[in-house]
Amino acid sequence: MTKAIPVLAGLLGAGLAGNGVFMLTAPEAWYFAVPGVTTTGPFNQHFLRDIGLIFVLIGSGFAYGAARPGPRSLLWTLGAVWLSGHALFHFWEVAVGICGPEVLPRDFPSVTLPALIAVALSVWSFRHADH
């Protein structure tokens, strides 16, 4: 199991970074390709590229931490904090009536699940860090 965790983190990192690269290089295509995004507001190329940079940064942190145990806990925790905040924001939008609850299952694979995986990776990294 211990060897599988960095592989999972590397896969998460590659997926997040890949999403970010897609957002940076083809923001309009990304906007129309991702289910539900068009219902969140009008297309904004600048905003999508800003968020794309965040995804590339976080994804790179997970991938780098998968290969380098030293900074792993810090990198994975920072990524988990942003991803968790993003997921909680989606729940908040439902709670205040901006979106209906039907968006939560739709968003789960791309929003909530990565946050849960990131938190689990962060907890694991602290438990297995050399102290």
C-alpha atoms as a PDB file:
ATOM      1  CA  MET A   1       0.000   0.000   0.000  1.00  0.00           C
ATOM      2  CA  THR A   2       2.798   2.415   0.868  1.00  0.00           C
ATOM      3  CA  LYS A   3       4.160   2.242  -2.682  1.00  0.00           C
ATOM      4  CA  ALA A   4       0.706   2.758  -4.202  1.00  0.00           C
ATOM      5  CA  ILE A   5       0.136   6.099  -2.459  1.00  0.00           C
ATOM      6  CA  PRO A   6       2.751   8.065  -4.421  1.00  0.00           C
ATOM      7  CA  VAL A   7       1.417   6.472  -7.625  1.00  0.00           C
ATOM      8  CA  LEU A   8      -2.099   7.668  -6.731  1.00  0.00           C
ATOM      9  CA  ALA A   9      -0.716  11.135  -5.979  1.00  0.00           C
ATOM     10  CA  GLY A  10       1.136  11.160  -9.296  1.00  0.00           C
ATOM     11  CA  LEU A  11      -2.042  10.199 -11.148  1.00  0.00           C
ATOM     12  CA  LEU A  12      -4.024  12.876  -9.316  1.00  0.00           C
ATOM     13  CA  GLY A  13      -1.309  15.392 -10.103  1.00  0.00           C
ATOM     14  CA  ALA A  14      -1.242  14.441 -13.776  1.00  0.00           C
ATOM     15  CA  GLY A  15      -5.027  14.737 -14.002  1.00  0.00           C
ATOM     16  CA  LEU A  16      -5.105  18.115 -12.274  1.00  0.00           C
ATOM     17  CA  ALA A  17      -2.211  19.482 -14.310  1.00  0.00           C
ATOM     18  CA  GLY A  18      -3.722  18.109 -17.519  1.00  0.00           C
ATOM     19  CA  ASN A  19      -6.994  19.835 -16.727  1.00  0.00           C
ATOM     20  CA  GLY A  20      -5.085  23.050 -16.115  1.00  0.00           C
ATOM     21  CA  VAL A  21      -3.205  22.778 -19.404  1.00  0.00           C
ATOM     22  CA  PHE A  22      -6.538  22.239 -21.184  1.00  0.00           C
ATOM     23  CA  MET A  23      -7.915  25.353 -19.482  1.00  0.00           C
ATOM     24  CA  LEU A  24      -4.845  27.376 -20.463  1.00  0.00           C
ATOM     25  CA  THR A  25      -4.552  26.255 -24.065  1.00  0.00           C
ATOM     26  CA  ALA A  26      -8.223  25.905 -25.047  1.00  0.00           C
ATOM     27  CA  PRO A  27     -10.361  27.746 -22.496  1.00  0.00           C
ATOM     28  CA  GLU A  28     -13.431  27.952 -24.705  1.00  0.00           C
ATOM     29  CA  ALA A  29     -13.275  24.261 -25.594  1.00  0.00           C
ATOM     30  CA  TRP A  30     -12.846  23.443 -21.877  1.00  0.00           C
ATOM     31  CA  TYR A  31     -15.831  25.661 -21.000  1.00  0.00           C
ATOM     32  CA  PHE A  32     -18.133  23.772 -23.366  1.00  0.00           C
ATOM     33  CA  ALA A  33     -16.643  20.298 -22.729  1.00  0.00           C
ATOM     34  CA  VAL A  34     -17.053  20.106 -18.949  1.00  0.00           C
ATOM     35  CA  PRO A  35     -20.605  19.232 -17.871  1.00  0.00           C
ATOM     36  CA  GLY A  36     -22.363  22.001 -15.978  1.00  0.00           C
ATOM     37  CA  VAL A  37     -19.779  24.725 -16.493  1.00  0.00           C
ATOM     38  CA  THR A  38     -21.926  26.670 -18.951  1.00  0.00           C
ATOM     39  CA  THR A  39     -24.642  27.002 -16.283  1.00  0.00           C
ATOM     40  CA  THR A  40     -22.259  28.762 -13.862  1.00  0.00           C
ATOM     41  CA  GLY A  41     -21.932  31.962 -15.851  1.00  0.00           C
ATOM     42  CA  PRO A  42     -20.761  33.357 -19.162  1.00  0.00           C
ATOM     43  CA  PHE A  43     -17.484  32.311 -20.768  1.00  0.00           C
ATOM     44  CA  ASN A  44     -14.554  34.292 -19.358  1.00  0.00           C
ATOM     45  CA  GLN A  45     -11.234  33.404 -20.957  1.00  0.00           C
ATOM     46  CA  HIS A  46      -9.146  35.333 -18.418  1.00  0.00           C
ATOM     47  CA  PHE A  47     -10.832  33.709 -15.424  1.00  0.00           C
ATOM     48  CA  LEU A  48     -10.516  30.199 -16.897  1.00  0.00           C
ATOM     49  CA  ARG A  49      -6.816  30.714 -17.564  1.00  0.00           C
ATOM     50  CA  ASP A  50      -6.305  32.019 -14.016  1.00  0.00           C
ATOM     51  CA  ILE A  51      -7.897  28.855 -12.632  1.00  0.00           C
ATOM     52  CA  GLY A  52      -5.967  26.770 -15.157  1.00  0.00           C
ATOM     53  CA  LEU A  53      -2.738  28.102 -13.664  1.00  0.00           C
ATOM     54  CA  ILE A  54      -3.924  27.009 -10.218  1.00  0.00           C
ATOM     55  CA  PHE A  55      -4.684  23.499 -11.479  1.00  0.00           C
ATOM     56  CA  VAL A  56      -1.251  23.231 -13.128  1.00  0.00           C
ATOM     57  CA  LEU A  57       0.422  24.410  -9.913  1.00  0.00           C
ATOM     58  CA  ILE A  58      -1.532  22.045  -7.657  1.00  0.00           C
ATOM     59  CA  GLY A  59      -1.116  19.128 -10.051  1.00  0.00           C
ATOM     60  CA  SER A  60       2.615  19.758 -10.240  1.00  0.00           C
ATOM     61  CA  GLY A  61       2.761  19.794  -6.436  1.00  0.00           C
ATOM     62  CA  PHE A  62       1.113  16.387  -6.194  1.00  0.00           C
ATOM     63  CA  ALA A  63       3.355  14.962  -8.918  1.00  0.00           C
ATOM     64  CA  TYR A  64       6.521  16.425  -7.392  1.00  0.00           C
ATOM     65  CA  GLY A  65       5.520  15.216  -3.932  1.00  0.00           C
ATOM     66  CA  ALA A  66       4.972  11.744  -5.351  1.00  0.00           C
ATOM     67  CA  ALA A  67       8.618  11.680  -6.432  1.00  0.00           C
ATOM     68  CA  ARG A  68      10.150  13.636  -3.534  1.00  0.00           C
ATOM     69  CA  PRO A  69       9.127  12.703   0.012  1.00  0.00           C
ATOM     70  CA  GLY A  70      10.784  15.757   1.621  1.00  0.00           C
ATOM     71  CA  PRO A  71       8.311  18.474   0.594  1.00  0.00           C
ATOM     72  CA  ARG A  72       5.420  16.034   0.120  1.00  0.00           C
ATOM     73  CA  SER A  73       3.381  16.938   3.213  1.00  0.00           C
ATOM     74  CA  LEU A  74       3.506  20.668   2.530  1.00  0.00           C
ATOM     75  CA  LEU A  75       2.778  20.366  -1.192  1.00  0.00           C
ATOM     76  CA  TRP A  76      -0.063  17.888  -0.799  1.00  0.00           C
ATOM     77  CA  THR A  77      -1.618  19.832   2.071  1.00  0.00           C
ATOM     78  CA  LEU A  78      -1.588  23.092   0.133  1.00  0.00           C
ATOM     79  CA  GLY A  79      -3.251  21.345  -2.797  1.00  0.00           C
ATOM     80  CA  ALA A  80      -5.778  19.694  -0.496  1.00  0.00           C
ATOM     81  CA  VAL A  81      -6.682  23.040   1.076  1.00  0.00           C
ATOM     82  CA  TRP A  82      -7.494  24.625  -2.292  1.00  0.00           C
ATOM     83  CA  LEU A  83      -9.315  21.574  -3.639  1.00  0.00           C
ATOM     84  CA  SER A  84     -11.348  21.285  -0.419  1.00  0.00           C
ATOM     85  CA  GLY A  85     -12.240  24.972  -0.519  1.00  0.00           C
ATOM     86  CA  HIS A  86     -13.342  24.551  -4.124  1.00  0.00           C
ATOM     87  CA  ALA A  87     -15.522  21.559  -3.215  1.00  0.00           C
ATOM     88  CA  LEU A  88     -17.002  23.341  -0.182  1.00  0.00           C
ATOM     89  CA  PHE A  89     -17.821  26.315  -2.398  1.00  0.00           C
ATOM     90  CA  HIS A  90     -19.864  23.996  -4.622  1.00  0.00           C
ATOM     91  CA  PHE A  91     -21.771  22.760  -1.554  1.00  0.00           C
ATOM     92  CA  TRP A  92     -22.275  26.351  -0.381  1.00  0.00           C
ATOM     93  CA  GLU A  93     -23.822  27.286  -3.744  1.00  0.00           C
ATOM     94  CA  VAL A  94     -26.395  24.530  -3.207  1.00  0.00           C
ATOM     95  CA  ALA A  95     -26.974  25.518   0.424  1.00  0.00           C
ATOM     96  CA  VAL A  96     -27.785  29.138  -0.485  1.00  0.00           C
ATOM     97  CA  GLY A  97     -29.891  28.248  -3.522  1.00  0.00           C
ATOM     98  CA  ILE A  98     -27.558  29.319  -6.327  1.00  0.00           C
ATOM     99  CA  CYS A  99     -27.664  25.755  -7.680  1.00  0.00           C
ATOM    100  CA  GLY A 100     -29.956  22.824  -7.049  1.00  0.00           C
ATOM    101  CA  PRO A 101     -28.767  19.682  -5.273  1.00  0.00           C
ATOM    102  CA  GLU A 102     -28.709  17.807  -8.589  1.00  0.00           C
ATOM    103  CA  VAL A 103     -25.330  19.427  -9.335  1.00  0.00           C
ATOM    104  CA  LEU A 104     -23.572  17.633  -6.470  1.00  0.00           C
ATOM    105  CA  PRO A 105     -23.577  14.146  -8.041  1.00  0.00           C
ATOM    106  CA  ARG A 106     -22.615  15.661 -11.398  1.00  0.00           C
ATOM    107  CA  ASP A 107     -19.702  17.552  -9.844  1.00  0.00           C
ATOM    108  CA  PHE A 108     -18.577  14.731  -7.542  1.00  0.00           C
ATOM    109  CA  PRO A 109     -16.035  13.065  -9.882  1.00  0.00           C
ATOM    110  CA  SER A 110     -14.273  16.287 -10.844  1.00  0.00           C
ATOM    111  CA  VAL A 111     -14.682  18.440  -7.729  1.00  0.00           C
ATOM    112  CA  THR A 112     -15.444  16.538  -4.520  1.00  0.00           C
ATOM    113  CA  LEU A 113     -13.570  13.294  -5.209  1.00  0.00           C
ATOM    114  CA  PRO A 114     -10.231  14.995  -5.985  1.00  0.00           C
ATOM    115  CA  ALA A 115     -10.582  16.994  -2.760  1.00  0.00           C
ATOM    116  CA  LEU A 116     -11.261  13.840  -0.729  1.00  0.00           C
ATOM    117  CA  ILE A 117      -8.311  12.061  -2.320  1.00  0.00           C
ATOM    118  CA  ALA A 118      -6.074  15.068  -1.683  1.00  0.00           C
ATOM    119  CA  VAL A 119      -7.059  15.217   1.988  1.00  0.00           C
ATOM    120  CA  ALA A 120      -6.427  11.481   2.377  1.00  0.00           C
ATOM    121  CA  LEU A 121      -3.023  11.839   0.696  1.00  0.00           C
ATOM    122  CA  SER A 122      -2.127  14.740   2.979  1.00  0.00           C
ATOM    123  CA  VAL A 123      -3.085  12.816   6.105  1.00  0.00           C
ATOM    124  CA  TRP A 124      -1.093   9.824   4.862  1.00  0.00           C
ATOM    125  CA  SER A 125       1.934  12.013   4.134  1.00  0.00           C
ATOM    126  CA  PHE A 126       1.987  13.420   7.657  1.00  0.00           C
ATOM    127  CA  ARG A 127       1.634   9.972   9.202  1.00  0.00           C
ATOM    128  CA  HIS A 128       4.524   8.637   7.118  1.00  0.00           C
ATOM    129  CA  ALA A 129       6.822  11.655   7.180  1.00  0.00           C
ATOM    130  CA  ASP A 130      10.276  11.294   8.656  1.00  0.00           C
ATOM    131  CA  HIS A 131      10.226  13.239  11.877  1.00  0.00           C
END
